[in-house]
Amino acid sequence: MTWPTGIFRLAEMTTDAARDAVRTAPLVIIPVGAQEQHGGGMAMSTDTVRAVGVADLVAERLAGRAVVAPALTYGVSPHHMAFAGTMTLSPATFAAVVRELVDSLYQHGWRRFLVVTGHGGNNAALSVLAQEYVRSDLTFAWTPLTEIVSDLITDVSEVHGHAGEAETAQMLYLAPDLVHAEQLEPGALTFDELSTPARLSRTKQGPRMSVGFDVYHKRGVLGDPRRATAEQGRLLVETAADRIAAFADELLSA
């Protein structure tokens, strides 16, 4: 894809520009991702790349009313620690880091924050953190990526998700150089092939449990990434940016 221009990235600003941006761009978008395995064919920065890409697109749509903070490139990934190169924060540490980053910018005058997470393992900690801000003078919102466009995900394996069709499609659109097509391989494809703990962890209703991704499949992949296309990725990424930007626009109008 062609990366958007005219985005206000906090890391590229001078301190004087940041001081002025508090008034003109009252929303801070914080992309958060992870450093974790994505099978044999995708980079471990996948979740961060997707979060930054969508955050920039959202900021572009908001036309100068938001700044994009530097990405938090580590997340809650203990379920991927069976795979080399994965690095994880505990949920408490991850929440503390986000909290302190928000507090830093709060001290400079920002009051509205939107965290864009490319990693589902961060969701629980972000949900708990959001509860902490309910009665404060600070607005804290967060959003996943693939989940908010799940209605557009079709023609996928019965078991799909991590490093599968939808995630690979997004990377083919955002950062094709980080996808090694010749090394993509299918992972778990059907519920019948899952072990009992793995199958129970995927149920939509009832009790909840978690398993390591090596329990799902020896490569930690859910679905068949070989079926992904950049065009599918474009639809998912651009629609996610549209929907998040519409939410943020309402938030800024409140």
Protein backbone atom coordinates (compact mmCIF):
# COMPACT_ATOMS: atom_id res chain seq x y z
CA MET A 1 0.00 0.00 0.00
CA THR A 2 0.98 3.66 -0.24
CA TRP A 3 1.47 4.97 3.26
CA PRO A 4 -0.61 8.03 4.13
CA THR A 5 1.05 11.43 4.35
CA GLY A 6 0.30 14.38 6.58
CA ILE A 7 -0.04 12.21 9.71
CA PHE A 8 0.87 13.88 12.99
CA ARG A 9 3.29 11.39 14.55
CA LEU A 10 4.35 12.39 18.03
CA ALA A 11 7.80 10.83 17.65
CA GLU A 12 8.55 13.10 14.68
CA MET A 13 7.44 16.32 16.40
CA THR A 14 9.51 18.83 18.28
CA THR A 15 8.42 19.55 21.82
CA ASP A 16 7.04 22.92 20.66
CA ALA A 17 4.94 21.20 17.99
CA ALA A 18 3.66 18.76 20.59
CA ARG A 19 2.66 21.63 22.88
CA ASP A 20 0.62 23.17 20.09
CA ALA A 21 -0.88 19.82 19.05
CA VAL A 22 -2.57 19.44 22.42
CA ARG A 23 -4.99 22.16 21.31
CA THR A 24 -5.41 21.27 17.64
CA ALA A 25 -5.25 17.45 17.87
CA PRO A 26 -6.95 16.50 21.14
CA LEU A 27 -6.97 12.72 20.51
CA VAL A 28 -3.92 10.52 21.01
CA ILE A 29 -3.91 7.22 19.12
CA ILE A 30 -1.58 4.64 20.67
CA PRO A 31 -0.81 1.57 18.53
CA VAL A 32 0.09 -1.54 20.52
CA GLY A 33 1.21 -4.87 19.15
CA ALA A 34 3.39 -7.81 20.12
CA GLN A 35 6.67 -9.57 19.44
CA GLU A 36 5.58 -13.13 18.79
CA GLN A 37 5.62 -15.99 16.32
CA HIS A 38 3.41 -15.89 13.24
CA GLY A 39 4.27 -19.25 11.76
CA GLY A 40 7.09 -19.82 9.33
CA GLY A 41 6.05 -17.19 6.82
CA MET A 42 5.40 -13.92 8.64
CA ALA A 43 7.46 -11.55 10.75
CA MET A 44 7.11 -11.50 14.52
CA SER A 45 6.32 -7.78 14.29
CA THR A 46 3.07 -8.57 12.45
CA ASP A 47 0.71 -7.33 15.17
CA THR A 48 2.64 -4.09 15.62
CA VAL A 49 2.83 -3.45 11.87
CA ARG A 50 -0.94 -3.86 11.55
CA ALA A 51 -1.66 -1.65 14.57
CA VAL A 52 0.60 1.15 13.28
CA GLY A 53 -0.77 0.88 9.76
CA VAL A 54 -4.39 1.19 10.87
CA ALA A 55 -3.56 3.91 13.42
CA ASP A 56 -2.00 6.01 10.66
CA LEU A 57 -5.01 5.49 8.40
CA VAL A 58 -7.37 6.50 11.19
CA ALA A 59 -5.35 9.64 11.86
CA GLU A 60 -5.41 10.48 8.15
CA ARG A 61 -9.19 10.21 8.15
CA LEU A 62 -9.41 12.50 11.18
CA ALA A 63 -7.61 15.21 9.20
CA GLY A 64 -5.31 16.67 11.84
CA ARG A 65 -7.47 16.11 14.90
CA ALA A 66 -5.33 13.26 16.26
CA VAL A 67 -1.69 12.49 16.92
CA VAL A 68 -0.23 9.01 16.68
CA ALA A 69 2.03 8.06 19.59
CA PRO A 70 5.03 5.75 19.15
CA ALA A 71 3.96 2.12 19.12
CA LEU A 72 4.26 -0.20 22.09
CA THR A 73 5.90 -3.15 20.36
CA TYR A 74 5.54 -5.72 23.16
CA GLY A 75 2.32 -7.30 24.38
CA VAL A 76 0.80 -10.11 26.40
CA SER A 77 2.06 -13.24 24.61
CA PRO A 78 2.68 -16.10 27.08
CA HIS A 79 0.60 -18.38 24.84
CA HIS A 80 3.28 -18.09 22.13
CA MET A 81 6.34 -18.67 24.31
CA ALA A 82 6.86 -22.19 22.95
CA PHE A 83 8.15 -20.53 19.76
CA ALA A 84 11.59 -18.97 19.40
CA GLY A 85 11.86 -15.19 19.37
CA THR A 86 8.60 -14.52 21.17
CA MET A 87 8.88 -11.95 23.98
CA THR A 88 6.08 -11.27 26.43
CA LEU A 89 4.93 -8.90 29.13
CA SER A 90 2.68 -10.01 31.93
CA PRO A 91 -0.84 -8.53 31.79
CA ALA A 92 -0.04 -6.40 34.84
CA THR A 93 3.17 -5.07 33.31
CA PHE A 94 1.52 -4.36 29.97
CA ALA A 95 -1.32 -2.47 31.67
CA ALA A 96 1.17 -0.54 33.81
CA VAL A 97 3.17 0.51 30.74
CA VAL A 98 0.07 1.72 28.88
CA ARG A 99 -1.15 3.47 32.03
CA GLU A 100 2.14 5.32 32.49
CA LEU A 101 2.34 6.32 28.82
CA VAL A 102 -1.19 7.72 29.04
CA ASP A 103 -0.31 9.49 32.28
CA SER A 104 2.74 11.09 30.66
CA LEU A 105 0.65 12.63 27.90
CA TYR A 106 -2.14 13.52 30.35
CA GLN A 107 0.39 15.70 32.16
CA HIS A 108 0.97 17.57 28.90
CA GLY A 109 -2.72 18.29 28.46
CA TRP A 110 -4.19 15.44 26.42
CA ARG A 111 -7.45 14.01 27.74
CA ARG A 112 -8.66 11.64 25.00
CA PHE A 113 -6.90 8.40 24.16
CA LEU A 114 -7.58 5.58 21.73
CA VAL A 115 -5.48 2.42 21.85
CA VAL A 116 -5.39 0.38 18.64
CA THR A 117 -4.24 -3.16 19.36
CA GLY A 118 -3.13 -5.56 16.67
CA HIS A 119 -2.80 -8.39 19.18
CA GLY A 120 -5.79 -10.12 20.75
CA GLY A 121 -3.73 -11.15 23.76
CA ASN A 122 -3.75 -7.51 24.87
CA ASN A 123 -7.54 -7.26 24.93
CA ALA A 124 -8.18 -8.43 28.49
CA ALA A 125 -5.62 -6.06 30.01
CA LEU A 126 -6.96 -3.13 27.97
CA SER A 127 -10.52 -3.91 29.05
CA VAL A 128 -9.48 -3.90 32.71
CA LEU A 129 -7.53 -0.68 32.21
CA ALA A 130 -10.56 0.99 30.62
CA GLN A 131 -12.52 0.28 33.79
CA GLU A 132 -9.97 2.21 35.83
CA TYR A 133 -10.71 5.39 33.86
CA VAL A 134 -14.50 5.24 34.01
CA ARG A 135 -14.83 7.97 36.65
CA SER A 136 -11.82 10.07 35.71
CA ASP A 137 -11.63 13.22 33.57
CA LEU A 138 -9.76 11.18 30.98
CA THR A 139 -11.45 9.35 28.09
CA PHE A 140 -9.85 5.99 27.38
CA ALA A 141 -11.04 3.82 24.49
CA TRP A 142 -9.47 0.82 22.80
CA THR A 143 -10.17 -1.25 19.72
CA PRO A 144 -9.07 -4.53 18.20
CA LEU A 145 -8.56 -4.80 14.44
CA THR A 146 -9.71 -8.03 12.84
CA GLU A 147 -12.58 -8.44 15.29
CA ILE A 148 -14.29 -5.25 14.16
CA VAL A 149 -14.38 -6.43 10.55
CA SER A 150 -15.26 -10.06 11.28
CA ASP A 151 -18.41 -9.68 9.17
CA LEU A 152 -16.17 -9.28 6.11
CA ILE A 153 -14.13 -12.43 6.71
CA THR A 154 -15.49 -15.16 4.46
CA ASP A 155 -14.24 -18.28 2.71
CA VAL A 156 -11.86 -19.22 5.51
CA SER A 157 -11.05 -22.48 7.28
CA GLU A 158 -13.33 -23.79 10.01
CA VAL A 159 -10.53 -22.99 12.45
CA HIS A 160 -8.91 -19.69 11.58
CA GLY A 161 -7.30 -16.73 13.29
CA HIS A 162 -3.68 -16.29 14.33
CA ALA A 163 -1.37 -16.15 11.29
CA GLY A 164 -4.26 -17.42 9.17
CA GLU A 165 -6.13 -16.09 6.17
CA ALA A 166 -7.31 -12.70 7.50
CA GLU A 167 -4.14 -11.71 9.30
CA THR A 168 -1.92 -12.72 6.40
CA ALA A 169 -4.15 -10.80 3.99
CA GLN A 170 -3.72 -7.64 6.06
CA MET A 171 0.05 -8.02 5.99
CA LEU A 172 0.06 -8.64 2.25
CA TYR A 173 -1.60 -5.24 1.92
CA LEU A 174 0.31 -3.31 4.59
CA ALA A 175 3.79 -4.84 4.45
CA PRO A 176 4.17 -7.51 1.75
CA ASP A 177 7.94 -7.50 2.24
CA LEU A 178 7.39 -9.08 5.66
CA VAL A 179 5.43 -12.01 4.23
CA HIS A 180 7.51 -14.90 2.90
CA ALA A 181 4.98 -16.53 0.60
CA GLU A 182 7.09 -19.59 -0.12
CA GLN A 183 7.23 -20.38 3.61
CA LEU A 184 3.53 -20.00 4.37
CA GLU A 185 1.96 -23.26 5.46
CA PRO A 186 -1.43 -24.32 6.80
CA GLY A 187 -2.01 -24.82 10.49
CA ALA A 188 -5.03 -26.21 12.32
CA LEU A 189 -7.97 -26.18 9.88
CA THR A 190 -10.86 -28.09 11.49
CA PHE A 191 -12.21 -28.57 14.99
CA ASP A 192 -11.97 -32.34 14.58
CA GLU A 193 -8.20 -32.19 14.42
CA LEU A 194 -7.88 -30.19 17.66
CA SER A 195 -7.13 -31.79 21.00
CA THR A 196 -9.84 -31.50 23.64
CA PRO A 197 -8.17 -28.58 25.50
CA ALA A 198 -7.61 -26.74 22.20
CA ARG A 199 -11.20 -27.32 21.06
CA LEU A 200 -12.66 -26.20 24.41
CA SER A 201 -10.58 -23.01 24.31
CA ARG A 202 -12.24 -22.05 21.00
CA THR A 203 -15.85 -22.31 22.16
CA LYS A 204 -17.86 -19.10 21.78
CA GLN A 205 -20.18 -19.69 24.75
CA GLY A 206 -19.77 -21.23 28.16
CA PRO A 207 -16.65 -21.57 30.34
CA ARG A 208 -13.40 -20.02 29.18
CA MET A 209 -9.87 -21.38 29.13
CA SER A 210 -6.59 -20.62 27.39
CA VAL A 211 -3.95 -22.88 25.87
CA GLY A 212 -0.58 -22.31 24.29
CA PHE A 213 -0.60 -22.06 20.53
CA ASP A 214 1.65 -25.09 20.29
CA VAL A 215 -1.36 -27.02 21.62
CA TYR A 216 -3.37 -25.94 18.57
CA HIS A 217 -0.72 -26.82 16.02
CA LYS A 218 3.01 -27.50 15.90
CA ARG A 219 3.50 -24.26 13.93
CA GLY A 220 1.13 -22.17 16.02
CA VAL A 221 -1.03 -21.27 13.01
CA LEU A 222 -4.83 -21.23 12.80
CA GLY A 223 -6.11 -21.49 9.24
CA ASP A 224 -4.43 -21.53 5.84
CA PRO A 225 -2.43 -18.35 5.13
CA ARG A 226 -1.71 -19.52 1.58
CA ARG A 227 -5.26 -18.52 0.64
CA ALA A 228 -4.78 -14.88 1.61
CA THR A 229 -4.64 -12.05 -0.93
CA ALA A 230 -3.63 -8.41 -0.73
CA GLU A 231 -7.06 -7.40 -2.04
CA GLN A 232 -8.72 -9.15 0.89
CA GLY A 233 -6.29 -7.34 3.15
CA ARG A 234 -7.14 -3.99 1.61
CA LEU A 235 -10.83 -4.51 2.35
CA LEU A 236 -10.18 -5.50 5.97
CA VAL A 237 -7.62 -2.80 6.73
CA GLU A 238 -9.41 0.10 5.04
CA THR A 239 -12.79 -0.86 6.49
CA ALA A 240 -11.30 -1.21 9.97
CA ALA A 241 -9.81 2.28 9.60
CA ASP A 242 -13.17 3.64 8.41
CA ARG A 243 -15.03 2.16 11.36
CA ILE A 244 -12.51 3.23 13.97
CA ALA A 245 -12.33 6.74 12.49
CA ALA A 246 -16.12 7.03 12.61
CA PHE A 247 -16.03 6.08 16.29
CA ALA A 248 -13.24 8.59 16.96
CA ASP A 249 -15.09 11.33 15.07
CA GLU A 250 -18.09 10.87 17.35
CA LEU A 251 -15.82 10.81 20.38
CA LEU A 252 -14.25 14.11 19.36
CA SER A 253 -17.67 15.64 18.74
CA ALA A 254 -18.99 14.78 22.19
